[in-house]
Structures are given as structure tokens and as C-alpha cells.
C-alpha atoms as a PDB file:
ATOM      1  CA  MET A   1     222.932 108.000 182.760  1.00  0.00           C
ATOM      2  CA  PRO A   2     221.876 109.797 179.937  1.00  0.00           C
ATOM      3  CA  GLU A   3     217.878 110.485 179.771  1.00  0.00           C
ATOM      4  CA  SER A   4     217.382 109.454 176.348  1.00  0.00           C
ATOM      5  CA  PRO A   5     218.619 107.320 173.645  1.00  0.00           C
ATOM      6  CA  ALA A   6     219.332 109.927 171.109  1.00  0.00           C
ATOM      7  CA  LEU A   7     221.617 111.733 173.993  1.00  0.00           C
ATOM      8  CA  ALA A   8     223.563 108.505 174.590  1.00  0.00           C
ATOM      9  CA  VAL A   9     224.209 108.671 170.862  1.00  0.00           C
ATOM     10  CA  LEU A  10     225.525 112.032 170.765  1.00  0.00           C
ATOM     11  CA  GLN A  11     227.637 111.167 174.100  1.00  0.00           C
ATOM     12  CA  ALA A  12     229.147 108.461 172.554  1.00  0.00           C
ATOM     13  CA  GLY A  13     229.953 110.595 169.502  1.00  0.00           C
ATOM     14  CA  CYS A  14     228.288 108.587 166.784  1.00  0.00           C
ATOM     15  CA  ALA A  15     226.352 111.234 165.334  1.00  0.00           C
ATOM     16  CA  GLU A  16     225.247 110.654 161.598  1.00  0.00           C
ATOM     17  CA  GLU A  17     221.474 111.259 161.052  1.00  0.00           C
ATOM     18  CA  ILE A  18     218.729 113.099 162.527  1.00  0.00           C
ATOM     19  CA  CYS A  19     216.132 111.585 164.451  1.00  0.00           C
ATOM     20  CA  SER A  20     212.625 113.738 164.842  1.00  0.00           C
ATOM     21  CA  THR A  21     213.686 114.692 168.328  1.00  0.00           C
ATOM     22  CA  GLY A  22     216.417 116.695 166.607  1.00  0.00           C
ATOM     23  CA  ALA A  23     219.231 115.059 168.159  1.00  0.00           C
ATOM     24  CA  ALA A  24     221.503 112.607 166.029  1.00  0.00           C
ATOM     25  CA  ALA A  25     221.002 108.738 165.305  1.00  0.00           C
ATOM     26  CA  PRO A  26     223.489 105.668 164.394  1.00  0.00           C
ATOM     27  CA  ARG A  27     223.908 104.991 160.948  1.00  0.00           C
ATOM     28  CA  SER A  28     224.492 101.414 161.334  1.00  0.00           C
ATOM     29  CA  SER A  29     224.059 100.037 164.862  1.00  0.00           C
ATOM     30  CA  TRP A  30     223.075 100.693 168.047  1.00  0.00           C
ATOM     31  CA  SER A  31     224.901 102.689 170.836  1.00  0.00           C
ATOM     32  CA  GLY A  32     225.880 100.327 173.821  1.00  0.00           C
ATOM     33  CA  ALA A  33     223.509 103.384 175.812  1.00  0.00           C
ATOM     34  CA  VAL A  34     220.675 102.520 173.748  1.00  0.00           C
ATOM     35  CA  ALA A  35     218.017  99.775 175.092  1.00  0.00           C
ATOM     36  CA  ILE A  36     216.872  98.387 171.274  1.00  0.00           C
ATOM     37  CA  GLY A  37     213.912  96.808 173.125  1.00  0.00           C
ATOM     38  CA  ASP A  38     212.317 100.156 173.782  1.00  0.00           C
ATOM     39  CA  PHE A  39     211.640 100.705 170.348  1.00  0.00           C
ATOM     40  CA  VAL A  40     209.844  98.519 167.653  1.00  0.00           C
ATOM     41  CA  ARG A  41     210.878  98.412 163.609  1.00  0.00           C
ATOM     42  CA  VAL A  42     207.865  99.723 161.887  1.00  0.00           C
ATOM     43  CA  ALA A  43     209.263 100.249 157.993  1.00  0.00           C
ATOM     44  CA  HIS A  44     212.345 101.057 155.806  1.00  0.00           C
ATOM     45  CA  ARG A  45     213.031 104.211 155.074  1.00  0.00           C
ATOM     46  CA  ASP A  46     212.041 104.193 151.235  1.00  0.00           C
ATOM     47  CA  GLU A  47     208.279 103.140 151.787  1.00  0.00           C
ATOM     48  CA  ILE A  48     207.981 106.429 153.602  1.00  0.00           C
ATOM     49  CA  ALA A  49     208.044 109.528 150.556  1.00  0.00           C
ATOM     50  CA  PRO A  50     208.799 112.813 151.612  1.00  0.00           C
ATOM     51  CA  GLY A  51     205.485 114.100 152.087  1.00  0.00           C
ATOM     52  CA  THR A  52     203.310 110.990 153.141  1.00  0.00           C
ATOM     53  CA  GLY A  53     202.148 108.950 155.700  1.00  0.00           C
ATOM     54  CA  LYS A  54     200.952 105.398 156.759  1.00  0.00           C
ATOM     55  CA  THR A  55     199.633 103.448 159.854  1.00  0.00           C
ATOM     56  CA  VAL A  56     202.241 101.120 161.093  1.00  0.00           C
ATOM     57  CA  ASP A  57     201.956  99.117 164.392  1.00  0.00           C
ATOM     58  CA  VAL A  58     204.174  99.660 167.344  1.00  0.00           C
ATOM     59  CA  GLY A  59     203.145  96.536 170.126  1.00  0.00           C
ATOM     60  CA  GLY A  60     199.990  96.239 168.772  1.00  0.00           C
ATOM     61  CA  MET A  61     199.350  99.670 169.181  1.00  0.00           C
ATOM     62  CA  PRO A  62     198.793 101.593 165.715  1.00  0.00           C
ATOM     63  CA  VAL A  63     200.716 104.729 165.051  1.00  0.00           C
ATOM     64  CA  ALA A  64     200.821 107.606 162.175  1.00  0.00           C
ATOM     65  CA  LEU A  65     204.360 107.410 160.789  1.00  0.00           C
ATOM     66  CA  PHE A  66     204.990 110.360 158.295  1.00  0.00           C
ATOM     67  CA  ASN A  67     208.415 111.900 156.441  1.00  0.00           C
ATOM     68  CA  VAL A  68     208.506 115.540 156.550  1.00  0.00           C
ATOM     69  CA  ASP A  69     211.025 116.681 154.178  1.00  0.00           C
ATOM     70  CA  GLY A  70     213.361 113.732 154.968  1.00  0.00           C
ATOM     71  CA  VAL A  71     212.508 113.893 158.934  1.00  0.00           C
ATOM     72  CA  TYR A  72     210.271 111.204 160.335  1.00  0.00           C
ATOM     73  CA  HIS A  73     207.421 111.832 163.171  1.00  0.00           C
ATOM     74  CA  VAL A  74     205.007 109.475 164.626  1.00  0.00           C
ATOM     75  CA  ILE A  75     201.964 110.343 166.346  1.00  0.00           C
ATOM     76  CA  HIS A  76     199.326 108.399 167.946  1.00  0.00           C
ATOM     77  CA  ASN A  77     196.770 106.988 164.789  1.00  0.00           C
ATOM     78  CA  SER A  78     193.669 107.930 166.303  1.00  0.00           C
ATOM     79  CA  CYS A  79     192.122 111.316 166.391  1.00  0.00           C
ATOM     80  CA  PRO A  80     190.363 112.123 169.930  1.00  0.00           C
ATOM     81  CA  HIS A  81     187.466 113.182 168.034  1.00  0.00           C
ATOM     82  CA  GLU A  82     185.646 109.923 166.613  1.00  0.00           C
ATOM     83  CA  ASP A  83     188.862 107.765 166.877  1.00  0.00           C
ATOM     84  CA  GLY A  84     189.698 108.966 162.815  1.00  0.00           C
ATOM     85  CA  PRO A  85     192.794 107.516 161.412  1.00  0.00           C
ATOM     86  CA  LEU A  86     195.389 109.991 161.284  1.00  0.00           C
ATOM     87  CA  GLY A  87     198.026 107.935 159.220  1.00  0.00           C
ATOM     88  CA  GLU A  88     195.133 107.735 156.332  1.00  0.00           C
ATOM     89  CA  GLY A  89     195.342 111.343 156.311  1.00  0.00           C
ATOM     90  CA  GLU A  90     196.624 113.903 153.591  1.00  0.00           C
ATOM     91  CA  LEU A  91     199.747 115.533 154.721  1.00  0.00           C
ATOM     92  CA  SER A  92     200.615 118.835 153.765  1.00  0.00           C
ATOM     93  CA  GLY A  93     203.783 120.182 155.014  1.00  0.00           C
ATOM     94  CA  ARG A  94     203.645 119.192 159.052  1.00  0.00           C
ATOM     95  CA  VAL A  95     200.219 119.214 158.983  1.00  0.00           C
ATOM     96  CA  VAL A  96     198.024 116.185 158.402  1.00  0.00           C
ATOM     97  CA  THR A  97     194.088 116.405 157.636  1.00  0.00           C
ATOM     98  CA  ARG A  98     192.194 113.812 158.945  1.00  0.00           C
ATOM     99  CA  PRO A  99     190.349 111.978 156.818  1.00  0.00           C
ATOM    100  CA  TRP A 100     186.812 112.238 158.286  1.00  0.00           C
ATOM    101  CA  HIS A 101     185.863 115.701 159.509  1.00  0.00           C
ATOM    102  CA  ALA A 102     188.797 117.554 158.613  1.00  0.00           C
ATOM    103  CA  TYR A 103     190.232 118.206 161.576  1.00  0.00           C
ATOM    104  CA  GLU A 104     194.413 119.023 161.103  1.00  0.00           C
ATOM    105  CA  PHE A 105     196.793 118.109 163.228  1.00  0.00           C
ATOM    106  CA  ASP A 106     200.835 119.200 163.865  1.00  0.00           C
ATOM    107  CA  VAL A 107     202.594 115.781 163.063  1.00  0.00           C
ATOM    108  CA  THR A 108     205.911 117.011 164.808  1.00  0.00           C
ATOM    109  CA  SER A 109     203.542 118.064 168.002  1.00  0.00           C
ATOM    110  CA  GLY A 110     200.665 116.156 167.954  1.00  0.00           C
ATOM    111  CA  GLU A 111     198.733 119.846 168.443  1.00  0.00           C
ATOM    112  CA  CYS A 112     195.186 119.841 167.024  1.00  0.00           C
ATOM    113  CA  LEU A 113     194.962 123.178 164.995  1.00  0.00           C
ATOM    114  CA  THR A 114     191.435 122.843 164.426  1.00  0.00           C
ATOM    115  CA  GLU A 115     190.727 122.175 168.344  1.00  0.00           C
ATOM    116  CA  PRO A 116     192.916 123.171 170.559  1.00  0.00           C
ATOM    117  CA  ALA A 117     191.381 121.132 173.195  1.00  0.00           C
ATOM    118  CA  TYR A 118     192.561 117.891 171.007  1.00  0.00           C
ATOM    119  CA  ARG A 119     196.040 116.438 171.449  1.00  0.00           C
ATOM    120  CA  VAL A 120     197.517 113.069 170.425  1.00  0.00           C
ATOM    121  CA  GLU A 121     200.680 111.341 171.827  1.00  0.00           C
ATOM    122  CA  LYS A 122     203.896 111.785 169.776  1.00  0.00           C
ATOM    123  CA  PHE A 123     206.458 108.958 169.861  1.00  0.00           C
ATOM    124  CA  GLU A 124     210.347 109.101 169.457  1.00  0.00           C
ATOM    125  CA  VAL A 125     211.675 107.989 166.127  1.00  0.00           C
ATOM    126  CA  TRP A 126     214.974 106.165 165.649  1.00  0.00           C
ATOM    127  CA  ILE A 127     216.796 105.428 162.572  1.00  0.00           C
ATOM    128  CA  GLU A 128     219.246 102.174 162.315  1.00  0.00           C
ATOM    129  CA  GLY A 129     220.641 101.673 158.748  1.00  0.00           C
ATOM    130  CA  ASP A 130     217.636 102.342 156.399  1.00  0.00           C
ATOM    131  CA  ASP A 131     215.208 100.851 159.300  1.00  0.00           C
ATOM    132  CA  ILE A 132     212.907 103.297 160.829  1.00  0.00           C
ATOM    133  CA  LEU A 133     211.911 102.315 164.456  1.00  0.00           C
ATOM    134  CA  VAL A 134     209.778 104.123 167.073  1.00  0.00           C
ATOM    135  CA  GLY A 135     209.668 104.308 170.743  1.00  0.00           C
ATOM    136  CA  LYS A 136     207.163 101.935 172.328  1.00  0.00           C
ATOM    137  CA  GLU A 137     206.294 104.866 174.632  1.00  0.00           C
ATOM    138  CA  ALA A 138     204.272 108.341 174.121  1.00  0.00           C
ATOM    139  CA  VAL A 139     206.993 110.751 174.660  1.00  0.00           C
ATOM    140  CA  HIS A 140     205.861 113.381 177.232  1.00  0.00           C
ATOM    141  CA  GLY A 141     206.783 117.462 177.753  1.00  0.00           C
END
């Protein structure tokens, strides 16, 4: 049994687009191996231009969605230092600068570049047609 939806898609042979895990994602329909209930549609691809981000809701939890050169990444929206909103920060390359206190986070890993003791959770991103979907659970490891 595949360990992730992205792996399931690769095994199903319908690889057409790249998701934030680096694996292929289906262009227009889910593979039978993917449980759509594990993902939430949060935006259309044209809503998040390259070099930008925004806060979106995944099952009542705010997360920060970013477009880094056409690849979407999602991290938890709250900075561990005083809960600042990362989705409102300025994105430069793959680094978002939090609007309060200027803490910097790598949106591809969740690592804090300002204070190594801090880290935010990251989430799997899935593309279905022009829809951006985000996993309901954080990716660990």
C-alpha cells in the first residue's frame, strides 16, 4: 500500500504536475488510491501569484499558502513567537518575513532562520486541475 497520495499517483502512472513534495500530482482527477477526504480545497492557482502568499483555512485551522516559482507550499500560519500571522508576511524566494518582529521562515521546510529553536509545521499540497488542496494533517519528518 502506498505511503502517500503523491506516491500513489506515481504508481498509478498519471503524473502530470508537481506538488510541494516534489512528487507528481494528477491534472484533472484523483487517482483511486487517493482519499480526497484527507485534503481541503483552499484556493485556485490563479489566486496565488508566484512570489506571494496568503492565509487560508483548513478545517478551521489557519495555514499560510505560498507560491515559490510556481510550486505551492503550506506552513502553519502562527509563528511560535507571539503567534504572528506568517501568511501576511513578505515572501522573498522561499523565505517569508513575519510582519511582526521580522522573524524569517523557510516556507519549504517550516524552519525558522531567525531563531533555530522555532519551527512551524508544514502541510502537503495537492493540485487538482486549477484547485489547490491542502492536507488536513501536518507532514512530519
